[in-house]
């Protein structure tokens, strides 16, 4: 017999079958606390980024007022826009804290992916603006004064953006937020734009008035490359793509669970910066419902411990016959039974 085991980690089961053999050690409160902490880390990263980029833009603004540098003005406005991308991400992290409802049964973690779309759009707009300014400066050269101050402001812009980029990308990867990683990549492109201002100022200093717009066009191309990478990351997340290595890790963990004879379909998806798994396993056909259930619970616990950022696992058991005939086809195409027929669900 098979145990239709729809088991969400840390929750009860359809008929409240007690965990007499393998009790839970990860309750729902612990999961919520962990998710809240990850959201706090993300919001903290956004506030710190906003402060650093705000200070960078303020310093650059003072130099713009003294030098009249249009290139530095564009870089300053770019930094302000980058700082403001913290707004959609901050809203997304706050929404992600909301509990699931009967309409949004998976919660609101996908708000981060929507914020990622906004950020990608901002990066693309930045590329268009950088290209427009570079072409305009190439067609209409302009003199720049206080070149040393402009150069220093450009270096400050690069350092500020690179600092923010490294921090956002590190935190984003740690908590599994593709949107925060994309925002970090955006900050990195702004640092490149600042370097373009520095190189342009150097060219103007030796009489090459065309140096700044030419370098600006080159940086526009670099920004477009980052746009492609960030857009691909967000697209994959929206399409429920995961690293195949994670799938291999789940299958290996399931096969190593005592009592598991075979592994069928394995499905993983990101909900914000949390990972969810749905898996099919084969167990001996002569097991009781309770014994099959216990194996499924053990498999789930192993998955929670083995796979980073996995907070929910649904493990369904199917029978494996004694004559050695595998049920690969049944496992691969299995769909959970209706709620009224499920032996346990969450």
Foldseek 3Di string as FASTA:
>chain_A
DWAFFADWAQDAKLVRDDPPPDHHPQHPVNLLVVLLVLLVLLLVLLVVLLVLLVVLLVLLVVVCVVKVDPLSVLLSVLSNVLNVLSVQQNVQSVQQSDAADPVRNVGRLCSLLVSLVVLLVSLLVSLVVLLVVLVVCLVPFDDTPPLVSLLVSLQSLLVSLLVSLVSQLVSCVQLQALSSNLSSLSSNLSSQSSVLSNQCSVCVVVPNSSSSSVSSNVSSVVSVVSSVVSVVSSVCQVVFHDDVVLVVQLLVLLVPQPQFDHWEDWGWHDRNSAIEIETETEGAPPDDNSVNNNSQVSSFVSSVVRHPRHNTYTYIYDYQYPVRDDPRVCRHPPDRDPSVPRPIHD
